[in-house]
Amino acid sequence: MKSTFKITILAAAFAGFAFGAKAQTAPASTTTSNTSNGVVLSVGVDAGFPTGNLSNGYNWNIGGSVQADIPILPQQLFVTVNAGFNDLQGKSNAYGTGLTATDIQLLPVKAGLKWFPVSHFYIQGEAGAAFALNKSSVGFDNSAAFIYAPQIGYQFPLGGKNYIDAGVRYEGSTDFNSGNTDSQVHFVALRLAYAFGLK
């Protein structure tokens, strides 16, 4: 129930941010392209919360990421390459044990597709691997796990080839401990990034 409430709050905040910015956009800007015709780089902060059983031991996820969008169909379809850092912060009474959970530190590397069905709004899907940077501290027996991350977002034009890229995603993993689904890492996150076209 708590996770559903948090997801609703994140979605509402994102929708309000998108509609507020859209309302302030001048009519002439409707001809503004989605993004650059060339490669777009973005650097952003990521924040969110764990879902499922993980939410019983961890409060928040905080991190950052760098992403490159490489055009296939300029202004409409891009290949994405993304690398970052996630720190899932342990609760002080994790799983009701009275003990503080050790933070889970992950290095995710993903690739995927980013599609603009309408101006500035995009749907993105990525997959890759998350590498556990503190594997032994958190008791993982696998150094990495497969991850997948569907995302929706909006690019707010700043002028020229510069944008604020805001997206909400769900990110999930396979087992970090073989055969133990409780070792999967799932979370919902908001990514807020500064993006700029290279040409």
Protein backbone atom coordinates (compact mmCIF):
# COMPACT_ATOMS: atom_id res chain seq x y z
CA MET A 1 0.00 0.00 0.00
CA LYS A 2 2.83 2.39 0.88
CA SER A 3 4.56 1.66 -2.45
CA THR A 4 1.34 2.39 -4.36
CA PHE A 5 1.01 5.72 -2.55
CA LYS A 6 4.64 6.63 -3.34
CA ILE A 7 4.18 5.71 -7.02
CA THR A 8 1.05 7.88 -7.16
CA ILE A 9 2.91 10.84 -5.61
CA LEU A 10 5.83 10.49 -8.06
CA ALA A 11 3.49 10.21 -11.05
CA ALA A 12 1.44 13.20 -9.92
CA ALA A 13 4.56 15.31 -9.39
CA PHE A 14 5.88 14.39 -12.82
CA ALA A 15 2.52 15.11 -14.50
CA GLY A 16 2.25 18.47 -12.75
CA PHE A 17 5.80 19.38 -13.77
CA ALA A 18 5.10 18.42 -17.40
CA PHE A 19 1.74 20.19 -17.66
CA GLY A 20 3.04 23.28 -15.87
CA ALA A 21 5.92 23.63 -18.29
CA LYS A 22 3.63 22.96 -21.27
CA ALA A 23 1.26 25.72 -20.13
CA GLN A 24 4.13 28.21 -20.07
CA THR A 25 5.31 27.30 -23.56
CA ALA A 26 4.60 29.94 -26.18
CA PRO A 27 2.45 28.84 -29.17
CA ALA A 28 5.38 29.42 -31.54
CA SER A 29 7.36 26.72 -29.71
CA THR A 30 5.08 23.97 -31.06
CA THR A 31 7.38 23.87 -34.07
CA THR A 32 10.40 23.24 -31.87
CA SER A 33 11.97 19.85 -32.60
CA ASN A 34 11.97 17.09 -30.00
CA THR A 35 15.70 17.11 -29.71
CA SER A 36 18.92 17.54 -31.66
CA ASN A 37 19.45 15.85 -35.03
CA GLY A 38 22.74 14.51 -33.65
CA VAL A 39 23.91 12.73 -30.51
CA VAL A 40 22.45 14.08 -27.27
CA LEU A 41 24.31 13.72 -23.96
CA SER A 42 22.61 14.08 -20.59
CA VAL A 43 23.86 14.14 -17.01
CA GLY A 44 21.29 13.66 -14.30
CA VAL A 45 20.37 12.83 -10.74
CA ASP A 46 18.22 9.80 -9.91
CA ALA A 47 16.03 9.45 -6.83
CA GLY A 48 13.37 6.95 -5.93
CA PHE A 49 12.16 4.24 -3.60
CA PRO A 50 12.32 0.44 -3.48
CA THR A 51 9.24 -1.68 -4.18
CA GLY A 52 8.15 -5.15 -3.13
CA ASN A 53 9.97 -6.98 -0.33
CA LEU A 54 13.01 -4.70 -0.73
CA SER A 55 10.95 -1.80 0.68
CA ASN A 56 10.91 -3.59 4.07
CA GLY A 57 14.65 -3.12 4.38
CA TYR A 58 15.45 -0.02 2.36
CA ASN A 59 14.12 3.55 2.31
CA TRP A 60 15.35 5.42 -0.73
CA ASN A 61 17.51 5.13 -3.79
CA ILE A 62 19.77 8.06 -4.68
CA GLY A 63 22.28 8.23 -7.50
CA GLY A 64 23.22 9.71 -10.82
CA SER A 65 23.66 8.75 -14.44
CA VAL A 66 25.14 9.76 -17.78
CA GLN A 67 23.29 8.92 -20.98
CA ALA A 68 23.93 9.23 -24.71
CA ASP A 69 21.02 9.29 -27.18
CA ILE A 70 22.17 8.28 -30.68
CA PRO A 71 19.70 9.04 -33.51
CA ILE A 72 18.32 6.32 -35.77
CA LEU A 73 15.42 8.41 -37.07
CA PRO A 74 16.36 12.04 -36.21
CA GLN A 75 13.98 13.70 -33.75
CA GLN A 76 11.94 10.49 -33.34
CA LEU A 77 13.91 7.31 -32.52
CA PHE A 78 17.20 7.01 -30.63
CA VAL A 79 19.46 4.26 -29.32
CA THR A 80 20.37 4.98 -25.69
CA VAL A 81 23.47 4.04 -23.71
CA ASN A 82 23.35 4.73 -19.98
CA ALA A 83 25.72 4.23 -17.04
CA GLY A 84 25.29 5.40 -13.47
CA PHE A 85 25.40 4.77 -9.74
CA ASN A 86 22.59 3.75 -7.36
CA ASP A 87 22.78 3.75 -3.57
CA LEU A 88 19.81 2.07 -1.89
CA GLN A 89 19.82 3.32 1.68
CA GLY A 90 19.13 0.78 4.42
CA LYS A 91 16.48 1.19 7.09
CA SER A 92 17.40 1.26 10.78
CA ASN A 93 14.90 -1.53 11.55
CA ALA A 94 15.32 -3.57 8.38
CA TYR A 95 12.75 -6.35 7.94
CA GLY A 96 11.72 -5.88 11.59
CA THR A 97 15.03 -7.21 12.91
CA GLY A 98 16.06 -4.07 14.80
CA LEU A 99 19.25 -4.00 12.72
CA THR A 100 20.32 -1.39 10.16
CA ALA A 101 20.61 -2.75 6.61
CA THR A 102 23.84 -2.10 4.74
CA ASP A 103 23.37 0.20 1.75
CA ILE A 104 23.28 -1.59 -1.60
CA GLN A 105 25.62 0.14 -4.06
CA LEU A 106 25.11 -0.68 -7.73
CA LEU A 107 26.74 0.34 -11.00
CA PRO A 108 24.08 -0.09 -13.73
CA VAL A 109 25.05 -0.19 -17.42
CA LYS A 110 22.12 -0.22 -19.87
CA ALA A 111 21.24 0.24 -23.52
CA GLY A 112 17.91 0.56 -25.26
CA LEU A 113 15.57 2.64 -27.39
CA LYS A 114 13.97 6.06 -26.88
CA TRP A 115 10.95 6.94 -29.03
CA PHE A 116 9.10 10.26 -29.34
CA PRO A 117 5.47 9.50 -30.37
CA VAL A 118 4.65 13.22 -30.03
CA SER A 119 6.74 16.35 -29.63
CA HIS A 120 8.95 16.29 -26.50
CA PHE A 121 7.21 13.28 -24.87
CA TYR A 122 9.09 9.98 -25.02
CA ILE A 123 8.83 6.30 -24.16
CA GLN A 124 12.11 4.55 -23.36
CA GLY A 125 13.07 0.96 -22.66
CA GLU A 126 16.51 -0.23 -21.57
CA ALA A 127 18.16 -3.44 -20.41
CA GLY A 128 21.64 -4.34 -19.23
CA ALA A 129 23.51 -5.34 -16.09
CA ALA A 130 23.87 -3.95 -12.57
CA PHE A 131 27.20 -4.62 -10.88
CA ALA A 132 27.19 -4.89 -7.06
CA LEU A 133 30.03 -2.67 -5.80
CA ASN A 134 29.79 -3.99 -2.22
CA LYS A 135 28.81 -7.58 -2.95
CA SER A 136 30.33 -9.13 0.18
CA SER A 137 28.97 -6.44 2.55
CA VAL A 138 25.37 -7.09 1.52
CA GLY A 139 25.76 -10.88 1.20
CA PHE A 140 25.31 -11.28 -2.56
CA ASP A 141 26.86 -14.33 -4.23
CA ASN A 142 26.55 -12.85 -7.74
CA SER A 143 28.61 -9.83 -8.75
CA ALA A 144 26.03 -8.72 -11.31
CA ALA A 145 22.40 -9.21 -12.30
CA PHE A 146 20.34 -8.56 -15.41
CA ILE A 147 18.30 -5.34 -15.21
CA TYR A 148 15.44 -3.86 -17.23
CA ALA A 149 14.03 -0.35 -17.08
CA PRO A 150 10.92 0.97 -18.87
CA GLN A 151 10.59 4.75 -18.65
CA ILE A 152 8.38 7.63 -19.77
CA GLY A 153 9.56 11.20 -19.88
CA TYR A 154 9.44 14.70 -21.27
CA GLN A 155 12.14 16.97 -22.67
CA PHE A 156 11.69 20.63 -21.72
CA PRO A 157 13.42 22.91 -24.28
CA LEU A 158 15.82 25.48 -22.80
CA GLY A 159 16.80 27.03 -26.13
CA GLY A 160 19.18 25.90 -28.84
CA LYS A 161 20.04 22.24 -28.34
CA ASN A 162 19.69 22.27 -24.56
CA TYR A 163 16.95 20.54 -22.58
CA ILE A 164 15.82 19.43 -19.16
CA ASP A 165 15.05 15.73 -19.48
CA ALA A 166 12.65 14.47 -16.80
CA GLY A 167 11.64 10.82 -16.71
CA VAL A 168 10.02 8.29 -14.39
CA ARG A 169 11.12 4.67 -14.63
CA TYR A 170 10.66 1.30 -13.01
CA GLU A 171 13.91 -0.64 -12.70
CA GLY A 172 14.07 -4.32 -11.81
CA SER A 173 16.73 -7.01 -11.60
CA THR A 174 17.14 -10.76 -11.54
CA ASP A 175 18.54 -12.53 -8.44
CA PHE A 176 21.78 -11.30 -6.87
CA ASN A 177 21.71 -14.50 -4.81
CA SER A 178 21.12 -17.54 -7.01
CA GLY A 179 17.58 -18.86 -6.70
CA ASN A 180 16.57 -16.27 -4.07
CA THR A 181 13.96 -13.84 -5.41
CA ASP A 182 14.28 -11.74 -2.24
CA SER A 183 17.71 -10.66 -3.53
CA GLN A 184 16.16 -8.93 -6.53
CA VAL A 185 16.40 -5.13 -6.58
CA HIS A 186 13.29 -3.29 -7.77
CA PHE A 187 12.60 0.43 -7.49
CA VAL A 188 10.72 3.36 -9.03
CA ALA A 189 12.83 6.43 -9.75
CA LEU A 190 12.69 9.95 -11.12
CA ARG A 191 15.58 11.05 -13.34
CA LEU A 192 16.12 14.80 -13.78
CA ALA A 193 18.90 15.59 -16.23
CA TYR A 194 20.50 18.39 -18.19
CA ALA A 195 20.74 17.35 -21.86
CA PHE A 196 22.61 18.97 -24.72
CA GLY A 197 23.04 18.17 -28.40
CA LEU A 198 26.55 17.69 -29.75
CA LYS A 199 25.75 19.12 -33.18
